[in-house]
Amino acid sequence: MNSPAEIAHAGGAYVRRPFTLGPRTVANGDVLSAAQVRALPKGNLRALITLGKIDLFPNTPDSLPSP
């Protein structure tokens, strides 16, 4: 599981399995911004990571890492 430090420094997340985020359904292949990841309640974020619904990627000055 991702550590709190990894979560705090996430540049965003790739969606691997669809889920509902507020009023919309997030589809496989969508990308969540760092702000969207930080806005998720910690328990929900950990569940999404544990269930394999999202994969975090690091916050880097480079472009997004390839999926």
C-alpha atoms as a PDB file:
ATOM      1  CA  MET A   1       0.000   0.000   0.000  1.00  0.00           C
ATOM      2  CA  ASN A   2       1.137   3.542  -0.608  1.00  0.00           C
ATOM      3  CA  SER A   3       2.600   5.337   2.379  1.00  0.00           C
ATOM      4  CA  PRO A   4       1.188   8.654   3.600  1.00  0.00           C
ATOM      5  CA  ALA A   5       4.289  10.374   2.172  1.00  0.00           C
ATOM      6  CA  GLU A   6       3.693   8.845  -1.274  1.00  0.00           C
ATOM      7  CA  ILE A   7       0.060   9.920  -1.152  1.00  0.00           C
ATOM      8  CA  ALA A   8       1.003  13.456  -0.063  1.00  0.00           C
ATOM      9  CA  HIS A   9       3.459  13.802  -2.960  1.00  0.00           C
ATOM     10  CA  ALA A  10       1.287  12.202  -5.634  1.00  0.00           C
ATOM     11  CA  GLY A  11       1.132  14.092  -8.908  1.00  0.00           C
ATOM     12  CA  GLY A  12      -2.184  12.429  -9.661  1.00  0.00           C
ATOM     13  CA  ALA A  13      -3.600   8.996 -10.345  1.00  0.00           C
ATOM     14  CA  TYR A  14      -4.474   6.771 -13.268  1.00  0.00           C
ATOM     15  CA  VAL A  15      -7.914   5.203 -13.092  1.00  0.00           C
ATOM     16  CA  ARG A  16      -7.643   1.429 -13.606  1.00  0.00           C
ATOM     17  CA  ARG A  17     -11.239   0.440 -12.794  1.00  0.00           C
ATOM     18  CA  PRO A  18     -14.380   2.612 -13.034  1.00  0.00           C
ATOM     19  CA  PHE A  19     -15.884   4.159  -9.905  1.00  0.00           C
ATOM     20  CA  THR A  20     -18.195   7.007  -8.957  1.00  0.00           C
ATOM     21  CA  LEU A  21     -16.586  10.281  -7.926  1.00  0.00           C
ATOM     22  CA  GLY A  22     -19.264  12.670  -6.737  1.00  0.00           C
ATOM     23  CA  PRO A  23     -21.897  13.046  -9.459  1.00  0.00           C
ATOM     24  CA  ARG A  24     -19.847  11.427 -12.244  1.00  0.00           C
ATOM     25  CA  THR A  25     -18.470   8.027 -13.121  1.00  0.00           C
ATOM     26  CA  VAL A  26     -14.724   7.976 -13.636  1.00  0.00           C
ATOM     27  CA  ALA A  27     -13.756   5.625 -16.462  1.00  0.00           C
ATOM     28  CA  ASN A  28     -10.782   3.320 -16.926  1.00  0.00           C
ATOM     29  CA  GLY A  29      -7.951   5.341 -18.455  1.00  0.00           C
ATOM     30  CA  ASP A  30      -9.012   8.679 -16.959  1.00  0.00           C
ATOM     31  CA  VAL A  31      -6.404  10.662 -15.034  1.00  0.00           C
ATOM     32  CA  LEU A  32      -7.113  12.336 -11.700  1.00  0.00           C
ATOM     33  CA  SER A  33      -5.169  15.503 -10.938  1.00  0.00           C
ATOM     34  CA  ALA A  34      -3.142  15.935  -7.766  1.00  0.00           C
ATOM     35  CA  ALA A  35      -5.858  18.267  -6.457  1.00  0.00           C
ATOM     36  CA  GLN A  36      -8.538  15.632  -7.079  1.00  0.00           C
ATOM     37  CA  VAL A  37      -6.465  12.991  -5.288  1.00  0.00           C
ATOM     38  CA  ARG A  38      -5.863  15.295  -2.295  1.00  0.00           C
ATOM     39  CA  ALA A  39      -9.588  16.161  -2.132  1.00  0.00           C
ATOM     40  CA  LEU A  40     -10.590  12.520  -1.612  1.00  0.00           C
ATOM     41  CA  PRO A  41     -11.245  11.485   1.998  1.00  0.00           C
ATOM     42  CA  LYS A  42      -8.223   9.502   3.237  1.00  0.00           C
ATOM     43  CA  GLY A  43     -10.240   6.332   3.852  1.00  0.00           C
ATOM     44  CA  ASN A  44     -11.770   6.428   0.373  1.00  0.00           C
ATOM     45  CA  LEU A  45      -8.373   7.098  -1.215  1.00  0.00           C
ATOM     46  CA  ARG A  46      -6.786   4.132   0.557  1.00  0.00           C
ATOM     47  CA  ALA A  47      -9.706   1.910  -0.485  1.00  0.00           C
ATOM     48  CA  LEU A  48      -9.364   2.959  -4.139  1.00  0.00           C
ATOM     49  CA  ILE A  49      -5.630   2.171  -4.022  1.00  0.00           C
ATOM     50  CA  THR A  50      -6.097  -1.150  -2.197  1.00  0.00           C
ATOM     51  CA  LEU A  51      -8.854  -2.300  -4.568  1.00  0.00           C
ATOM     52  CA  GLY A  52      -6.677  -1.471  -7.579  1.00  0.00           C
ATOM     53  CA  LYS A  53      -9.073   1.171  -8.873  1.00  0.00           C
ATOM     54  CA  ILE A  54      -6.345   3.831  -9.065  1.00  0.00           C
ATOM     55  CA  ASP A  55      -2.550   3.923  -9.375  1.00  0.00           C
ATOM     56  CA  LEU A  56      -0.787   6.995  -8.036  1.00  0.00           C
ATOM     57  CA  PHE A  57       2.044   8.576  -9.975  1.00  0.00           C
ATOM     58  CA  PRO A  58       4.693  10.894  -8.502  1.00  0.00           C
ATOM     59  CA  ASN A  59       4.657  14.654  -8.736  1.00  0.00           C
ATOM     60  CA  THR A  60       7.515  15.442 -11.146  1.00  0.00           C
ATOM     61  CA  PRO A  61       8.376  18.341 -13.406  1.00  0.00           C
ATOM     62  CA  ASP A  62       8.357  15.876 -16.319  1.00  0.00           C
ATOM     63  CA  SER A  63       5.289  14.971 -18.266  1.00  0.00           C
ATOM     64  CA  LEU A  64       2.938  12.288 -16.950  1.00  0.00           C
ATOM     65  CA  PRO A  65       4.467   8.833 -16.776  1.00  0.00           C
ATOM     66  CA  SER A  66       3.168   6.368 -19.323  1.00  0.00           C
ATOM     67  CA  PRO A  67       0.255   4.203 -18.069  1.00  0.00           C
END
